[in-house]
Amino acid sequence: MLPAESRLRNAADFRDTMRQGVRCGRASLVLHARRSSLASSRAGFIVSKAVGNAVTRNRVKRRLRHLTAAELRATPLVVDVVVRALPAAAASADLADDLHSALSTCLDRLAA
């Protein structure tokens, strides 16, 4: 679970991360990341109704939150991350691989 200080909460943070950061897309998700001057990395999630009904959306959100918390602990940079789930995320067994791959690509672009 992500602690409160590790979550993006307001629309301005989401908007700034999506507009000013780098983007990496995979089959089940799109990840936006940008460097941050804060003490710790933060993450936010977007799961639209296109993903499924409320039960499915919440299940996808919980899986993404769990996977992202583990990934952010291992990142060398302090970043803000927005993870947007695509409809394929509901049935994807490769969600962890897609998240890891997209985050690695974004971090490589940010470090360069």
PDB file of N, CA and C in Angstrom:
ATOM      1  N   MET A   1       0.839  -1.182   0.000  1.00  0.00           N
ATOM      2  CA  MET A   1       0.000   0.000   0.000  1.00  0.00           C
ATOM      3  C   MET A   1       0.880   1.240   0.000  1.00  0.00           C
ATOM      4  N   LEU A   2       0.479   2.216  -0.735  1.00  0.00           N
ATOM      5  CA  LEU A   2       1.218   3.474  -0.784  1.00  0.00           C
ATOM      6  C   LEU A   2       0.809   4.366   0.392  1.00  0.00           C
ATOM      7  N   PRO A   3       1.773   4.885   1.141  1.00  0.00           N
ATOM      8  CA  PRO A   3       1.415   5.839   2.192  1.00  0.00           C
ATOM      9  C   PRO A   3       0.871   7.128   1.586  1.00  0.00           C
ATOM     10  N   ALA A   4       0.197   7.927   2.393  1.00  0.00           N
ATOM     11  CA  ALA A   4      -0.466   9.138   1.900  1.00  0.00           C
ATOM     12  C   ALA A   4       0.502  10.100   1.234  1.00  0.00           C
ATOM     13  N   GLU A   5       1.711  10.216   1.748  1.00  0.00           N
ATOM     14  CA  GLU A   5       2.670  11.152   1.152  1.00  0.00           C
ATOM     15  C   GLU A   5       3.232  10.650  -0.170  1.00  0.00           C
ATOM     16  N   SER A   6       2.943   9.405  -0.522  1.00  0.00           N
ATOM     17  CA  SER A   6       3.427   8.835  -1.779  1.00  0.00           C
ATOM     18  C   SER A   6       2.358   8.788  -2.857  1.00  0.00           C
ATOM     19  N   ARG A   7       1.224   9.483  -2.647  1.00  0.00           N
ATOM     20  CA  ARG A   7       0.145   9.471  -3.624  1.00  0.00           C
ATOM     21  C   ARG A   7      -0.070  10.855  -4.221  1.00  0.00           C
ATOM     22  N   LEU A   8      -0.308  10.888  -5.521  1.00  0.00           N
ATOM     23  CA  LEU A   8      -0.744  12.127  -6.169  1.00  0.00           C
ATOM     24  C   LEU A   8      -2.213  12.298  -5.839  1.00  0.00           C
ATOM     25  N   ARG A   9      -2.588  13.482  -5.388  1.00  0.00           N
ATOM     26  CA  ARG A   9      -3.951  13.654  -4.918  1.00  0.00           C
ATOM     27  C   ARG A   9      -4.742  14.720  -5.663  1.00  0.00           C
ATOM     28  N   ASN A  10      -4.099  15.767  -6.152  1.00  0.00           N
ATOM     29  CA  ASN A  10      -4.897  16.815  -6.795  1.00  0.00           C
ATOM     30  C   ASN A  10      -4.692  16.824  -8.308  1.00  0.00           C
ATOM     31  N   ALA A  11      -5.635  17.412  -8.978  1.00  0.00           N
ATOM     32  CA  ALA A  11      -5.651  17.409 -10.439  1.00  0.00           C
ATOM     33  C   ALA A  11      -4.438  18.113 -11.029  1.00  0.00           C
ATOM     34  N   ALA A  12      -3.933  19.137 -10.358  1.00  0.00           N
ATOM     35  CA  ALA A  12      -2.773  19.873 -10.884  1.00  0.00           C
ATOM     36  C   ALA A  12      -1.545  18.972 -10.949  1.00  0.00           C
ATOM     37  N   ASP A  13      -1.344  18.125  -9.948  1.00  0.00           N
ATOM     38  CA  ASP A  13      -0.207  17.205  -9.970  1.00  0.00           C
ATOM     39  C   ASP A  13      -0.336  16.197 -11.105  1.00  0.00           C
ATOM     40  N   PHE A  14      -1.534  15.660 -11.295  1.00  0.00           N
ATOM     41  CA  PHE A  14      -1.771  14.737 -12.403  1.00  0.00           C
ATOM     42  C   PHE A  14      -1.498  15.435 -13.734  1.00  0.00           C
ATOM     43  N   ARG A  15      -2.066  16.611 -13.897  1.00  0.00           N
ATOM     44  CA  ARG A  15      -1.938  17.354 -15.159  1.00  0.00           C
ATOM     45  C   ARG A  15      -0.473  17.681 -15.446  1.00  0.00           C
ATOM     46  N   ASP A  16       0.244  18.187 -14.451  1.00  0.00           N
ATOM     47  CA  ASP A  16       1.648  18.553 -14.657  1.00  0.00           C
ATOM     48  C   ASP A  16       2.503  17.341 -15.000  1.00  0.00           C
ATOM     49  N   THR A  17       2.255  16.237 -14.337  1.00  0.00           N
ATOM     50  CA  THR A  17       3.020  15.022 -14.622  1.00  0.00           C
ATOM     51  C   THR A  17       2.751  14.532 -16.038  1.00  0.00           C
ATOM     52  N   MET A  18       1.508  14.583 -16.464  1.00  0.00           N
ATOM     53  CA  MET A  18       1.175  14.093 -17.797  1.00  0.00           C
ATOM     54  C   MET A  18       1.671  15.031 -18.897  1.00  0.00           C
ATOM     55  N   ARG A  19       1.674  16.328 -18.650  1.00  0.00           N
ATOM     56  CA  ARG A  19       2.081  17.286 -19.680  1.00  0.00           C
ATOM     57  C   ARG A  19       3.589  17.507 -19.738  1.00  0.00           C
ATOM     58  N   GLN A  20       4.251  17.513 -18.593  1.00  0.00           N
ATOM     59  CA  GLN A  20       5.672  17.861 -18.548  1.00  0.00           C
ATOM     60  C   GLN A  20       6.591  16.651 -18.509  1.00  0.00           C
ATOM     61  N   GLY A  21       6.044  15.478 -18.237  1.00  0.00           N
ATOM     62  CA  GLY A  21       6.876  14.295 -18.105  1.00  0.00           C
ATOM     63  C   GLY A  21       7.029  13.534 -19.403  1.00  0.00           C
ATOM     64  N   VAL A  22       7.618  12.350 -19.288  1.00  0.00           N
ATOM     65  CA  VAL A  22       7.771  11.456 -20.436  1.00  0.00           C
ATOM     66  C   VAL A  22       6.681  10.392 -20.370  1.00  0.00           C
ATOM     67  N   ARG A  23       6.356   9.813 -21.521  1.00  0.00           N
ATOM     68  CA  ARG A  23       5.276   8.837 -21.609  1.00  0.00           C
ATOM     69  C   ARG A  23       5.791   7.550 -22.214  1.00  0.00           C
ATOM     70  N   CYS A  24       5.344   6.431 -21.652  1.00  0.00           N
ATOM     71  CA  CYS A  24       5.693   5.114 -22.184  1.00  0.00           C
ATOM     72  C   CYS A  24       4.429   4.266 -22.195  1.00  0.00           C
ATOM     73  N   GLY A  25       4.095   3.718 -23.334  1.00  0.00           N
ATOM     74  CA  GLY A  25       2.882   2.914 -23.460  1.00  0.00           C
ATOM     75  C   GLY A  25       3.189   1.441 -23.601  1.00  0.00           C
ATOM     76  N   ARG A  26       2.337   0.624 -23.047  1.00  0.00           N
ATOM     77  CA  ARG A  26       2.400  -0.823 -23.174  1.00  0.00           C
ATOM     78  C   ARG A  26       0.993  -1.318 -23.499  1.00  0.00           C
ATOM     79  N   ALA A  27       0.835  -2.611 -23.657  1.00  0.00           N
ATOM     80  CA  ALA A  27      -0.457  -3.173 -24.064  1.00  0.00           C
ATOM     81  C   ALA A  27      -1.561  -2.931 -23.042  1.00  0.00           C
ATOM     82  N   SER A  28      -1.211  -2.920 -21.756  1.00  0.00           N
ATOM     83  CA  SER A  28      -2.247  -2.809 -20.733  1.00  0.00           C
ATOM     84  C   SER A  28      -2.242  -1.486 -19.982  1.00  0.00           C
ATOM     85  N   LEU A  29      -1.250  -0.632 -20.222  1.00  0.00           N
ATOM     86  CA  LEU A  29      -1.195   0.624 -19.487  1.00  0.00           C
ATOM     87  C   LEU A  29      -0.339   1.654 -20.205  1.00  0.00           C
ATOM     88  N   VAL A  30      -0.515   2.906 -19.809  1.00  0.00           N
ATOM     89  CA  VAL A  30       0.328   4.011 -20.260  1.00  0.00           C
ATOM     90  C   VAL A  30       0.869   4.666 -18.997  1.00  0.00           C
ATOM     91  N   LEU A  31       2.175   4.879 -18.955  1.00  0.00           N
ATOM     92  CA  LEU A  31       2.804   5.442 -17.774  1.00  0.00           C
ATOM     93  C   LEU A  31       3.421   6.791 -18.108  1.00  0.00           C
ATOM     94  N   HIS A  32       3.125   7.791 -17.304  1.00  0.00           N
ATOM     95  CA  HIS A  32       3.714   9.126 -17.432  1.00  0.00           C
ATOM     96  C   HIS A  32       4.591   9.346 -16.210  1.00  0.00           C
ATOM     97  N   ALA A  33       5.799   9.883 -16.398  1.00  0.00           N
ATOM     98  CA  ALA A  33       6.696  10.127 -15.268  1.00  0.00           C
ATOM     99  C   ALA A  33       7.444  11.433 -15.470  1.00  0.00           C
ATOM    100  N   ARG A  34       7.718  12.108 -14.350  1.00  0.00           N
ATOM    101  CA  ARG A  34       8.549  13.301 -14.394  1.00  0.00           C
ATOM    102  C   ARG A  34       9.335  13.375 -13.099  1.00  0.00           C
ATOM    103  N   ARG A  35      10.494  13.999 -13.167  1.00  0.00           N
ATOM    104  CA  ARG A  35      11.325  14.155 -11.966  1.00  0.00           C
ATOM    105  C   ARG A  35      10.633  15.076 -10.982  1.00  0.00           C
ATOM    106  N   SER A  36      10.929  14.858  -9.713  1.00  0.00           N
ATOM    107  CA  SER A  36      10.304  15.634  -8.657  1.00  0.00           C
ATOM    108  C   SER A  36      11.376  16.142  -7.699  1.00  0.00           C
ATOM    109  N   SER A  37      11.104  17.279  -7.088  1.00  0.00           N
ATOM    110  CA  SER A  37      12.044  17.845  -6.114  1.00  0.00           C
ATOM    111  C   SER A  37      11.637  17.490  -4.687  1.00  0.00           C
ATOM    112  N   LEU A  38      10.630  16.672  -4.519  1.00  0.00           N
ATOM    113  CA  LEU A  38      10.170  16.275  -3.198  1.00  0.00           C
ATOM    114  C   LEU A  38      11.077  15.202  -2.601  1.00  0.00           C
ATOM    115  N   ALA A  39      10.816  14.837  -1.354  1.00  0.00           N
ATOM    116  CA  ALA A  39      11.653  13.861  -0.662  1.00  0.00           C
ATOM    117  C   ALA A  39      11.413  12.427  -1.124  1.00  0.00           C
ATOM    118  N   SER A  40      10.186  12.124  -1.557  1.00  0.00           N
ATOM    119  CA  SER A  40       9.890  10.754  -1.979  1.00  0.00           C
ATOM    120  C   SER A  40       9.083  10.751  -3.264  1.00  0.00           C
ATOM    121  N   SER A  41       9.108   9.617  -3.935  1.00  0.00           N
ATOM    122  CA  SER A  41       8.352   9.456  -5.173  1.00  0.00           C
ATOM    123  C   SER A  41       6.865   9.352  -4.860  1.00  0.00           C
ATOM    124  N   ARG A  42       6.042   9.780  -5.836  1.00  0.00           N
ATOM    125  CA  ARG A  42       4.591   9.715  -5.684  1.00  0.00           C
ATOM    126  C   ARG A  42       3.983   9.057  -6.914  1.00  0.00           C
ATOM    127  N   ALA A  43       2.800   8.461  -6.727  1.00  0.00           N
ATOM    128  CA  ALA A  43       2.113   7.803  -7.831  1.00  0.00           C
ATOM    129  C   ALA A  43       0.624   8.118  -7.791  1.00  0.00           C
ATOM    130  N   GLY A  44       0.020   8.167  -8.979  1.00  0.00           N
ATOM    131  CA  GLY A  44      -1.417   8.349  -9.118  1.00  0.00           C
ATOM    132  C   GLY A  44      -1.929   7.402 -10.187  1.00  0.00           C
ATOM    133  N   PHE A  45      -3.198   7.070 -10.123  1.00  0.00           N
ATOM    134  CA  PHE A  45      -3.763   6.066 -11.016  1.00  0.00           C
ATOM    135  C   PHE A  45      -5.029   6.580 -11.675  1.00  0.00           C
ATOM    136  N   ILE A  46      -5.180   6.246 -12.963  1.00  0.00           N
ATOM    137  CA  ILE A  46      -6.372   6.588 -13.725  1.00  0.00           C
ATOM    138  C   ILE A  46      -6.915   5.282 -14.301  1.00  0.00           C
ATOM    139  N   VAL A  47      -8.113   4.923 -13.868  1.00  0.00           N
ATOM    140  CA  VAL A  47      -8.760   3.706 -14.363  1.00  0.00           C
ATOM    141  C   VAL A  47     -10.171   4.106 -14.783  1.00  0.00           C
ATOM    142  N   SER A  48     -10.388   4.210 -16.093  1.00  0.00           N
ATOM    143  CA  SER A  48     -11.671   4.700 -16.602  1.00  0.00           C
ATOM    144  C   SER A  48     -12.710   3.589 -16.667  1.00  0.00           C
ATOM    145  N   LYS A  49     -13.933   3.988 -16.971  1.00  0.00           N
ATOM    146  CA  LYS A  49     -15.030   3.032 -17.090  1.00  0.00           C
ATOM    147  C   LYS A  49     -14.841   2.084 -18.272  1.00  0.00           C
ATOM    148  N   ALA A  50     -13.959   2.430 -19.190  1.00  0.00           N
ATOM    149  CA  ALA A  50     -13.695   1.545 -20.327  1.00  0.00           C
ATOM    150  C   ALA A  50     -13.025   0.248 -19.873  1.00  0.00           C
ATOM    151  N   VAL A  51     -12.388   0.261 -18.711  1.00  0.00           N
ATOM    152  CA  VAL A  51     -11.709  -0.926 -18.189  1.00  0.00           C
ATOM    153  C   VAL A  51     -12.727  -1.976 -17.751  1.00  0.00           C
ATOM    154  N   GLY A  52     -13.867  -1.546 -17.229  1.00  0.00           N
ATOM    155  CA  GLY A  52     -14.885  -2.501 -16.793  1.00  0.00           C
ATOM    156  C   GLY A  52     -15.803  -1.892 -15.760  1.00  0.00           C
ATOM    157  N   ASN A  53     -16.558  -2.752 -15.095  1.00  0.00           N
ATOM    158  CA  ASN A  53     -17.471  -2.266 -14.063  1.00  0.00           C
ATOM    159  C   ASN A  53     -16.680  -1.877 -12.808  1.00  0.00           C
ATOM    160  N   ALA A  54     -17.366  -1.420 -11.771  1.00  0.00           N
ATOM    161  CA  ALA A  54     -16.699  -0.898 -10.577  1.00  0.00           C
ATOM    162  C   ALA A  54     -15.815  -1.947  -9.901  1.00  0.00           C
ATOM    163  N   VAL A  55     -16.281  -3.174  -9.848  1.00  0.00           N
ATOM    164  CA  VAL A  55     -15.494  -4.239  -9.224  1.00  0.00           C
ATOM    165  C   VAL A  55     -14.194  -4.458  -9.989  1.00  0.00           C
ATOM    166  N   THR A  56     -14.276  -4.508 -11.295  1.00  0.00           N
ATOM    167  CA  THR A  56     -13.093  -4.708 -12.137  1.00  0.00           C
ATOM    168  C   THR A  56     -12.134  -3.532 -12.027  1.00  0.00           C
ATOM    169  N   ARG A  57     -12.672  -2.313 -12.070  1.00  0.00           N
ATOM    170  CA  ARG A  57     -11.808  -1.130 -11.955  1.00  0.00           C
ATOM    171  C   ARG A  57     -11.080  -1.101 -10.623  1.00  0.00           C
ATOM    172  N   ASN A  58     -11.776  -1.402  -9.545  1.00  0.00           N
ATOM    173  CA  ASN A  58     -11.127  -1.405  -8.237  1.00  0.00           C
ATOM    174  C   ASN A  58     -10.084  -2.504  -8.112  1.00  0.00           C
ATOM    175  N   ARG A  59     -10.340  -3.653  -8.713  1.00  0.00           N
ATOM    176  CA  ARG A  59      -9.367  -4.746  -8.694  1.00  0.00           C
ATOM    177  C   ARG A  59      -8.098  -4.334  -9.448  1.00  0.00           C
ATOM    178  N   VAL A  60      -8.275  -3.719 -10.604  1.00  0.00           N
ATOM    179  CA  VAL A  60      -7.128  -3.247 -11.387  1.00  0.00           C
ATOM    180  C   VAL A  60      -6.363  -2.182 -10.607  1.00  0.00           C
ATOM    181  N   LYS A  61      -7.084  -1.269  -9.972  1.00  0.00           N
ATOM    182  CA  LYS A  61      -6.449  -0.207  -9.191  1.00  0.00           C
ATOM    183  C   LYS A  61      -5.632  -0.774  -8.028  1.00  0.00           C
ATOM    184  N   ARG A  62      -6.174  -1.761  -7.334  1.00  0.00           N
ATOM    185  CA  ARG A  62      -5.457  -2.387  -6.219  1.00  0.00           C
ATOM    186  C   ARG A  62      -4.196  -3.089  -6.706  1.00  0.00           C
ATOM    187  N   ARG A  63      -4.310  -3.804  -7.827  1.00  0.00           N
ATOM    188  CA  ARG A  63      -3.127  -4.482  -8.367  1.00  0.00           C
ATOM    189  C   ARG A  63      -2.055  -3.479  -8.766  1.00  0.00           C
ATOM    190  N   LEU A  64      -2.466  -2.403  -9.450  1.00  0.00           N
ATOM    191  CA  LEU A  64      -1.505  -1.382  -9.870  1.00  0.00           C
ATOM    192  C   LEU A  64      -0.863  -0.693  -8.667  1.00  0.00           C
ATOM    193  N   ARG A  65      -1.648  -0.397  -7.651  1.00  0.00           N
ATOM    194  CA  ARG A  65      -1.123   0.259  -6.449  1.00  0.00           C
ATOM    195  C   ARG A  65      -0.060  -0.614  -5.785  1.00  0.00           C
ATOM    196  N   HIS A  66      -0.343  -1.901  -5.666  1.00  0.00           N
ATOM    197  CA  HIS A  66       0.599  -2.835  -5.058  1.00  0.00           C
ATOM    198  C   HIS A  66       1.883  -2.953  -5.877  1.00  0.00           C
ATOM    199  N   LEU A  67       1.739  -3.122  -7.174  1.00  0.00           N
ATOM    200  CA  LEU A  67       2.903  -3.261  -8.054  1.00  0.00           C
ATOM    201  C   LEU A  67       3.734  -1.979  -8.099  1.00  0.00           C
ATOM    202  N   THR A  68       3.075  -0.837  -8.151  1.00  0.00           N
ATOM    203  CA  THR A  68       3.775   0.441  -8.231  1.00  0.00           C
ATOM    204  C   THR A  68       4.532   0.743  -6.944  1.00  0.00           C
ATOM    205  N   ALA A  69       3.962   0.406  -5.800  1.00  0.00           N
ATOM    206  CA  ALA A  69       4.644   0.637  -4.530  1.00  0.00           C
ATOM    207  C   ALA A  69       5.977  -0.109  -4.496  1.00  0.00           C
ATOM    208  N   ALA A  70       5.978  -1.339  -4.957  1.00  0.00           N
ATOM    209  CA  ALA A  70       7.222  -2.121  -4.990  1.00  0.00           C
ATOM    210  C   ALA A  70       8.219  -1.535  -5.980  1.00  0.00           C
ATOM    211  N   GLU A  71       7.733  -1.103  -7.131  1.00  0.00           N
ATOM    212  CA  GLU A  71       8.623  -0.531  -8.153  1.00  0.00           C
ATOM    213  C   GLU A  71       9.234   0.798  -7.697  1.00  0.00           C
ATOM    214  N   LEU A  72       8.437   1.640  -7.049  1.00  0.00           N
ATOM    215  CA  LEU A  72       8.935   2.959  -6.638  1.00  0.00           C
ATOM    216  C   LEU A  72      10.008   2.855  -5.559  1.00  0.00           C
ATOM    217  N   ARG A  73       9.922   1.829  -4.713  1.00  0.00           N
ATOM    218  CA  ARG A  73      10.953   1.647  -3.688  1.00  0.00           C
ATOM    219  C   ARG A  73      12.314   1.366  -4.312  1.00  0.00           C
ATOM    220  N   ALA A  74      12.327   0.771  -5.493  1.00  0.00           N
ATOM    221  CA  ALA A  74      13.581   0.381  -6.138  1.00  0.00           C
ATOM    222  C   ALA A  74      14.112   1.426  -7.124  1.00  0.00           C
ATOM    223  N   THR A  75      13.398   2.534  -7.319  1.00  0.00           N
ATOM    224  CA  THR A  75      13.840   3.518  -8.298  1.00  0.00           C
ATOM    225  C   THR A  75      14.950   4.400  -7.728  1.00  0.00           C
ATOM    226  N   PRO A  76      15.968   4.684  -8.518  1.00  0.00           N
ATOM    227  CA  PRO A  76      17.061   5.540  -8.045  1.00  0.00           C
ATOM    228  C   PRO A  76      16.710   7.028  -8.060  1.00  0.00           C
ATOM    229  N   LEU A  77      15.713   7.418  -8.856  1.00  0.00           N
ATOM    230  CA  LEU A  77      15.311   8.816  -8.960  1.00  0.00           C
ATOM    231  C   LEU A  77      14.038   9.071  -8.157  1.00  0.00           C
ATOM    232  N   VAL A  78      13.837  10.315  -7.748  1.00  0.00           N
ATOM    233  CA  VAL A  78      12.567  10.711  -7.135  1.00  0.00           C
ATOM    234  C   VAL A  78      11.683  11.213  -8.265  1.00  0.00           C
ATOM    235  N   VAL A  79      10.564  10.530  -8.475  1.00  0.00           N
ATOM    236  CA  VAL A  79       9.699  10.829  -9.616  1.00  0.00           C
ATOM    237  C   VAL A  79       8.236  10.881  -9.193  1.00  0.00           C
ATOM    238  N   ASP A  80       7.456  11.592  -9.991  1.00  0.00           N
ATOM    239  CA  ASP A  80       6.000  11.527  -9.917  1.00  0.00           C
ATOM    240  C   ASP A  80       5.555  10.654 -11.078  1.00  0.00           C
ATOM    241  N   VAL A  81       4.669   9.708 -10.818  1.00  0.00           N
ATOM    242  CA  VAL A  81       4.235   8.746 -11.826  1.00  0.00           C
ATOM    243  C   VAL A  81       2.713   8.742 -11.891  1.00  0.00           C
ATOM    244  N   VAL A  82       2.175   8.771 -13.114  1.00  0.00           N
ATOM    245  CA  VAL A  82       0.741   8.574 -13.336  1.00  0.00           C
ATOM    246  C   VAL A  82       0.601   7.326 -14.193  1.00  0.00           C
ATOM    247  N   VAL A  83      -0.154   6.357 -13.683  1.00  0.00           N
ATOM    248  CA  VAL A  83      -0.392   5.112 -14.403  1.00  0.00           C
ATOM    249  C   VAL A  83      -1.832   5.118 -14.883  1.00  0.00           C
ATOM    250  N   ARG A  84      -2.006   5.066 -16.213  1.00  0.00           N
ATOM    251  CA  ARG A  84      -3.344   5.035 -16.809  1.00  0.00           C
ATOM    252  C   ARG A  84      -3.597   3.634 -17.341  1.00  0.00           C
ATOM    253  N   ALA A  85      -4.579   2.953 -16.758  1.00  0.00           N
ATOM    254  CA  ALA A  85      -4.904   1.586 -17.166  1.00  0.00           C
ATOM    255  C   ALA A  85      -5.722   1.610 -18.452  1.00  0.00           C
ATOM    256  N   LEU A  86      -5.396   0.726 -19.353  1.00  0.00           N
ATOM    257  CA  LEU A  86      -6.149   0.546 -20.594  1.00  0.00           C
ATOM    258  C   LEU A  86      -7.119  -0.629 -20.416  1.00  0.00           C
ATOM    259  N   PRO A  87      -8.111  -0.768 -21.270  1.00  0.00           N
ATOM    260  CA  PRO A  87      -9.072  -1.866 -21.109  1.00  0.00           C
ATOM    261  C   PRO A  87      -8.435  -3.254 -21.038  1.00  0.00           C
ATOM    262  N   ALA A  88      -7.289  -3.438 -21.649  1.00  0.00           N
ATOM    263  CA  ALA A  88      -6.615  -4.739 -21.606  1.00  0.00           C
ATOM    264  C   ALA A  88      -6.086  -5.077 -20.217  1.00  0.00           C
ATOM    265  N   ALA A  89      -6.000  -4.093 -19.323  1.00  0.00           N
ATOM    266  CA  ALA A  89      -5.466  -4.329 -17.977  1.00  0.00           C
ATOM    267  C   ALA A  89      -6.366  -5.241 -17.158  1.00  0.00           C
ATOM    268  N   ALA A  90      -7.651  -5.256 -17.449  1.00  0.00           N
ATOM    269  CA  ALA A  90      -8.587  -6.064 -16.670  1.00  0.00           C
ATOM    270  C   ALA A  90      -8.298  -7.553 -16.797  1.00  0.00           C
ATOM    271  N   ALA A  91      -7.863  -7.982 -17.951  1.00  0.00           N
ATOM    272  CA  ALA A  91      -7.627  -9.402 -18.178  1.00  0.00           C
ATOM    273  C   ALA A  91      -6.148  -9.726 -18.346  1.00  0.00           C
ATOM    274  N   SER A  92      -5.288  -8.773 -18.078  1.00  0.00           N
ATOM    275  CA  SER A  92      -3.872  -8.956 -18.352  1.00  0.00           C
ATOM    276  C   SER A  92      -3.156  -9.692 -17.230  1.00  0.00           C
ATOM    277  N   ALA A  93      -2.504 -10.769 -17.596  1.00  0.00           N
ATOM    278  CA  ALA A  93      -1.642 -11.472 -16.650  1.00  0.00           C
ATOM    279  C   ALA A  93      -0.252 -10.847 -16.647  1.00  0.00           C
ATOM    280  N   ASP A  94       0.035 -10.013 -17.641  1.00  0.00           N
ATOM    281  CA  ASP A  94       1.347  -9.395 -17.785  1.00  0.00           C
ATOM    282  C   ASP A  94       1.383  -7.969 -17.244  1.00  0.00           C
ATOM    283  N   LEU A  95       0.492  -7.626 -16.364  1.00  0.00           N
ATOM    284  CA  LEU A  95       0.419  -6.260 -15.843  1.00  0.00           C
ATOM    285  C   LEU A  95       1.716  -5.868 -15.136  1.00  0.00           C
ATOM    286  N   ALA A  96       2.281  -6.771 -14.352  1.00  0.00           N
ATOM    287  CA  ALA A  96       3.532  -6.485 -13.636  1.00  0.00           C
ATOM    288  C   ALA A  96       4.675  -6.266 -14.622  1.00  0.00           C
ATOM    289  N   ASP A  97       4.747  -7.093 -15.655  1.00  0.00           N
ATOM    290  CA  ASP A  97       5.807  -6.941 -16.654  1.00  0.00           C
ATOM    291  C   ASP A  97       5.653  -5.639 -17.427  1.00  0.00           C
ATOM    292  N   ASP A  98       4.416  -5.293 -17.783  1.00  0.00           N
ATOM    293  CA  ASP A  98       4.175  -4.042 -18.500  1.00  0.00           C
ATOM    294  C   ASP A  98       4.555  -2.842 -17.651  1.00  0.00           C
ATOM    295  N   LEU A  99       4.203  -2.865 -16.378  1.00  0.00           N
ATOM    296  CA  LEU A  99       4.532  -1.757 -15.491  1.00  0.00           C
ATOM    297  C   LEU A  99       6.044  -1.623 -15.321  1.00  0.00           C
ATOM    298  N   HIS A 100       6.710  -2.732 -15.081  1.00  0.00           N
ATOM    299  CA  HIS A 100       8.166  -2.696 -14.906  1.00  0.00           C
ATOM    300  C   HIS A 100       8.861  -2.192 -16.162  1.00  0.00           C
ATOM    301  N   SER A 101       8.435  -2.682 -17.303  1.00  0.00           N
ATOM    302  CA  SER A 101       9.035  -2.282 -18.574  1.00  0.00           C
ATOM    303  C   SER A 101       8.821  -0.797 -18.858  1.00  0.00           C
ATOM    304  N   ALA A 102       7.591  -0.322 -18.655  1.00  0.00           N
ATOM    305  CA  ALA A 102       7.290   1.082 -18.923  1.00  0.00           C
ATOM    306  C   ALA A 102       8.036   1.997 -17.959  1.00  0.00           C
ATOM    307  N   LEU A 103       8.085   1.637 -16.685  1.00  0.00           N
ATOM    308  CA  LEU A 103       8.787   2.465 -15.698  1.00  0.00           C
ATOM    309  C   LEU A 103      10.283   2.495 -15.988  1.00  0.00           C
ATOM    310  N   SER A 104      10.856   1.377 -16.359  1.00  0.00           N
ATOM    311  CA  SER A 104      12.288   1.343 -16.705  1.00  0.00           C
ATOM    312  C   SER A 104      12.591   2.239 -17.893  1.00  0.00           C
ATOM    313  N   THR A 105      11.747   2.189 -18.908  1.00  0.00           N
ATOM    314  CA  THR A 105      11.943   3.038 -20.090  1.00  0.00           C
ATOM    315  C   THR A 105      11.830   4.511 -19.731  1.00  0.00           C
ATOM    316  N   CYS A 106      10.821   4.857 -18.935  1.00  0.00           N
ATOM    317  CA  CYS A 106      10.644   6.260 -18.526  1.00  0.00           C
ATOM    318  C   CYS A 106      11.825   6.740 -17.690  1.00  0.00           C
ATOM    319  N   LEU A 107      12.305   5.916 -16.772  1.00  0.00           N
ATOM    320  CA  LEU A 107      13.447   6.320 -15.950  1.00  0.00           C
ATOM    321  C   LEU A 107      14.704   6.505 -16.786  1.00  0.00           C
ATOM    322  N   ASP A 108      14.896   5.656 -17.794  1.00  0.00           N
ATOM    323  CA  ASP A 108      16.037   5.817 -18.697  1.00  0.00           C
ATOM    324  C   ASP A 108      15.937   7.136 -19.438  1.00  0.00           C
ATOM    325  N   ARG A 109      14.750   7.499 -19.891  1.00  0.00           N
ATOM    326  CA  ARG A 109      14.570   8.776 -20.608  1.00  0.00           C
ATOM    327  C   ARG A 109      14.782   9.963 -19.678  1.00  0.00           C
ATOM    328  N   LEU A 110      14.348   9.853 -18.433  1.00  0.00           N
ATOM    329  CA  LEU A 110      14.514  10.939 -17.483  1.00  0.00           C
ATOM    330  C   LEU A 110      15.972  11.121 -17.045  1.00  0.00           C
ATOM    331  N   ALA A 111      16.700  10.031 -16.989  1.00  0.00           N
ATOM    332  CA  ALA A 111      18.103  10.098 -16.557  1.00  0.00           C
ATOM    333  C   ALA A 111      18.999  10.670 -17.644  1.00  0.00           C
ATOM    334  N   ALA A 112      18.568  10.566 -18.880  1.00  0.00           N
ATOM    335  CA  ALA A 112      19.401  11.053 -20.000  1.00  0.00           C
ATOM    336  C   ALA A 112      19.357  12.542 -20.147  1.00  0.00           C
TER     337      ALA A 112
END
